[in-house]
Amino acid sequence: MTGWFLEFANPLLKLSIVPRGSAALGYAQYQPHDKNLYRKQDLVDRICMMLGGRISEEINFGSISTGATNDLEKVTEVAYELVTSLGMSDVVGQLSFKPPRSSYGLEDRPYSQATSEKIDLEVRRIIREAEERTRNLLIEHKSDLIKVSEKLLEKEKLNKDDMIELLGERPWKELRTYKDLSHS
């Protein structure tokens, strides 16, 4: 649902509540962008998408489960990459740090404790803002979310055509290459 209404999200190909293997309780498959360069807004929309399931649980059921654990790990990873590796943070600046190394129980960081604290605060801010944005989007489209949920319970699997039937065309042009970005 979040990906449908986020401009820089990868378009949905398939959604299923049928378990896959011993760990997956269902899955969402997205059309990958045919590009190797990502902008900050692409990565922030990806964070919002990964938070969508957990926030939807909270909105619709009043509680959260462990179902989004893998998504939360990815959210944290992407947010740290934005700040520490990709230089996409005004707080930390145009810097790129290699991940800290550990040996013999000691951590070898290429930055100070003060910078480490700035990084942690910035990552939390990015995730908090993405969470708020995702929550607002899902509340705004709650009736659509219910439509999709009911159809998913009925069919167990939905594809892009089903989503178009339920929600209409995505409000954003699907960007397939980096060249398409120059026109957005």
Protein backbone atom coordinates (compact mmCIF):
# COMPACT_ATOMS: atom_id res chain seq x y z
CA MET A 1 0.00 0.00 0.00
CA THR A 2 2.75 2.44 0.92
CA GLY A 3 4.64 1.72 -2.28
CA TRP A 4 1.56 2.41 -4.37
CA PHE A 5 1.27 5.97 -3.10
CA LEU A 6 4.99 6.85 -2.74
CA GLU A 7 6.48 8.54 -5.78
CA PHE A 8 9.94 7.00 -5.67
CA ALA A 9 8.95 3.49 -4.54
CA ASN A 10 9.37 0.42 -6.70
CA PRO A 11 6.00 -0.60 -8.19
CA LEU A 12 4.31 -3.69 -6.73
CA LEU A 13 4.32 -6.84 -8.87
CA LYS A 14 2.81 -9.40 -6.49
CA LEU A 15 1.51 -9.59 -2.93
CA SER A 16 0.75 -12.83 -1.10
CA ILE A 17 -0.32 -14.04 2.32
CA VAL A 18 0.65 -17.61 1.45
CA PRO A 19 3.68 -18.63 3.55
CA ARG A 20 6.94 -19.29 1.69
CA GLY A 21 9.31 -21.61 3.52
CA SER A 22 9.65 -21.82 7.27
CA ALA A 23 10.31 -18.12 7.94
CA ALA A 24 8.19 -16.04 5.56
CA LEU A 25 4.58 -15.40 6.51
CA GLY A 26 3.83 -14.03 3.06
CA TYR A 27 5.61 -11.62 0.80
CA ALA A 28 5.50 -8.58 -1.41
CA GLN A 29 7.47 -8.57 -4.65
CA TYR A 30 8.36 -5.27 -6.29
CA GLN A 31 9.48 -4.38 -9.78
CA PRO A 32 13.16 -3.50 -9.49
CA HIS A 33 14.37 -0.23 -10.93
CA ASP A 34 16.77 -0.68 -13.80
CA LYS A 35 19.30 1.68 -12.30
CA ASN A 36 22.37 1.66 -10.12
CA LEU A 37 22.20 5.21 -8.82
CA TYR A 38 19.75 6.07 -6.07
CA ARG A 39 18.78 9.45 -4.72
CA LYS A 40 18.05 10.15 -1.09
CA GLN A 41 14.30 10.29 -1.79
CA ASP A 42 14.46 6.82 -3.40
CA LEU A 43 16.03 5.38 -0.26
CA VAL A 44 13.69 7.23 2.11
CA ASP A 45 10.66 5.94 0.18
CA ARG A 46 12.16 2.44 0.46
CA ILE A 47 12.39 2.91 4.24
CA CYS A 48 8.73 4.00 4.32
CA MET A 49 7.72 0.92 2.33
CA MET A 50 9.56 -1.38 4.72
CA LEU A 51 7.83 0.26 7.70
CA GLY A 52 4.39 -0.06 6.09
CA GLY A 53 3.48 -3.53 7.33
CA ARG A 54 4.31 -2.86 10.95
CA ILE A 55 2.59 0.53 10.99
CA SER A 56 -0.45 -1.00 9.29
CA GLU A 57 -0.63 -3.61 12.09
CA GLU A 58 -0.49 -0.86 14.67
CA ILE A 59 -3.22 1.20 12.95
CA ASN A 60 -5.56 -1.70 12.24
CA PHE A 61 -5.01 -3.98 15.24
CA GLY A 62 -3.74 -1.59 17.91
CA SER A 63 -0.59 -3.68 18.46
CA ILE A 64 2.47 -4.92 16.60
CA SER A 65 3.91 -8.40 16.08
CA THR A 66 7.30 -9.86 15.26
CA GLY A 67 6.32 -10.20 11.59
CA ALA A 68 8.30 -7.14 10.50
CA THR A 69 11.60 -8.03 12.17
CA ASN A 70 13.41 -8.51 8.87
CA ASP A 71 12.00 -5.24 7.54
CA LEU A 72 13.20 -3.38 10.64
CA GLU A 73 16.71 -4.77 10.16
CA LYS A 74 16.70 -3.50 6.57
CA VAL A 75 15.28 -0.10 7.61
CA THR A 76 18.10 0.33 10.10
CA GLU A 77 20.71 -0.78 7.58
CA VAL A 78 19.51 1.63 4.87
CA ALA A 79 19.27 4.55 7.32
CA TYR A 80 22.82 3.94 8.57
CA GLU A 81 24.07 3.71 4.97
CA LEU A 82 22.44 7.05 4.16
CA VAL A 83 24.25 8.69 7.06
CA THR A 84 27.59 6.87 7.28
CA SER A 85 28.43 5.63 3.78
CA LEU A 86 26.54 7.72 1.24
CA GLY A 87 27.07 11.23 2.61
CA MET A 88 23.31 11.97 2.49
CA SER A 89 23.01 13.65 5.88
CA ASP A 90 23.28 17.36 6.56
CA VAL A 91 24.13 16.58 10.18
CA VAL A 92 27.10 14.31 9.46
CA GLY A 93 27.96 15.85 6.12
CA GLN A 94 29.61 14.69 2.91
CA LEU A 95 31.57 11.91 4.58
CA SER A 96 31.78 8.19 3.98
CA PHE A 97 32.92 5.92 6.80
CA LYS A 98 33.75 2.25 6.51
CA PRO A 99 31.74 0.11 8.94
CA PRO A 100 33.36 -0.28 12.38
CA ARG A 101 35.50 -3.40 12.83
CA SER A 102 35.61 -5.49 15.95
CA SER A 103 38.46 -7.64 17.12
CA TYR A 104 39.09 -9.15 20.53
CA GLY A 105 35.96 -7.47 21.88
CA LEU A 106 37.19 -3.97 20.95
CA GLU A 107 35.51 -1.86 18.32
CA ASP A 108 37.68 0.08 15.87
CA ARG A 109 35.61 3.02 14.57
CA PRO A 110 36.96 5.47 12.01
CA TYR A 111 35.22 8.34 13.87
CA SER A 112 34.92 9.80 17.36
CA GLN A 113 32.36 9.02 20.06
CA ALA A 114 30.78 12.44 19.43
CA THR A 115 30.36 11.61 15.72
CA SER A 116 28.97 8.19 16.66
CA GLU A 117 26.31 9.90 18.79
CA LYS A 118 25.46 12.30 15.94
CA ILE A 119 25.12 9.33 13.58
CA ASP A 120 22.79 7.49 15.95
CA LEU A 121 20.61 10.57 16.48
CA GLU A 122 20.44 11.25 12.74
CA VAL A 123 19.48 7.65 11.94
CA ARG A 124 16.74 7.79 14.56
CA ARG A 125 15.48 11.09 13.11
CA ILE A 126 15.35 9.67 9.56
CA ILE A 127 13.46 6.58 10.70
CA ARG A 128 11.10 8.59 12.94
CA GLU A 129 10.23 10.95 10.07
CA ALA A 130 9.70 8.01 7.69
CA GLU A 131 7.50 6.33 10.29
CA GLU A 132 5.40 9.48 10.71
CA ARG A 133 5.09 9.93 6.94
CA THR A 134 4.09 6.28 6.49
CA ARG A 135 1.55 6.43 9.33
CA ASN A 136 -0.05 9.56 7.83
CA LEU A 137 -0.20 7.96 4.38
CA LEU A 138 -1.81 4.77 5.71
CA ILE A 139 -4.35 6.69 7.80
CA GLU A 140 -5.20 8.83 4.76
CA HIS A 141 -5.71 5.69 2.64
CA LYS A 142 -7.24 3.46 5.33
CA SER A 143 -10.33 2.67 3.25
CA ASP A 144 -8.05 1.57 0.39
CA LEU A 145 -6.02 -0.51 2.82
CA ILE A 146 -9.19 -2.28 3.95
CA LYS A 147 -10.19 -2.94 0.31
CA VAL A 148 -6.80 -4.47 -0.45
CA SER A 149 -6.83 -6.51 2.79
CA GLU A 150 -10.28 -7.94 2.08
CA LYS A 151 -9.34 -8.87 -1.50
CA LEU A 152 -6.09 -10.41 -0.27
CA LEU A 153 -7.97 -12.57 2.26
CA GLU A 154 -10.33 -13.66 -0.52
CA LYS A 155 -7.69 -14.43 -3.20
CA GLU A 156 -4.52 -14.96 -1.06
CA LYS A 157 -2.43 -13.42 -3.86
CA LEU A 158 -2.74 -10.08 -5.64
CA ASN A 159 -0.81 -8.81 -8.63
CA LYS A 160 -0.32 -5.38 -10.13
CA ASP A 161 -3.53 -5.61 -12.18
CA ASP A 162 -5.52 -6.40 -9.02
CA MET A 163 -4.02 -3.34 -7.34
CA ILE A 164 -4.93 -1.14 -10.32
CA GLU A 165 -8.49 -2.51 -10.17
CA LEU A 166 -8.73 -1.75 -6.43
CA LEU A 167 -6.82 1.55 -6.23
CA GLY A 168 -6.62 2.91 -9.76
CA GLU A 169 -3.36 3.62 -11.56
CA ARG A 170 -0.43 4.68 -9.43
CA PRO A 171 -0.40 8.48 -9.18
CA TRP A 172 3.28 8.52 -10.21
CA LYS A 173 5.03 7.70 -13.45
CA GLU A 174 7.01 4.51 -13.07
CA LEU A 175 10.66 5.39 -13.37
CA ARG A 176 12.58 2.54 -14.96
CA THR A 177 16.01 4.06 -15.64
CA TYR A 178 18.17 6.83 -14.34
CA LYS A 179 17.43 8.70 -17.56
CA ASP A 180 13.74 8.82 -16.53
CA LEU A 181 14.73 10.76 -13.41
CA SER A 182 15.65 13.81 -15.43
CA HIS A 183 12.00 14.10 -16.48
CA SER A 184 10.55 13.82 -12.96
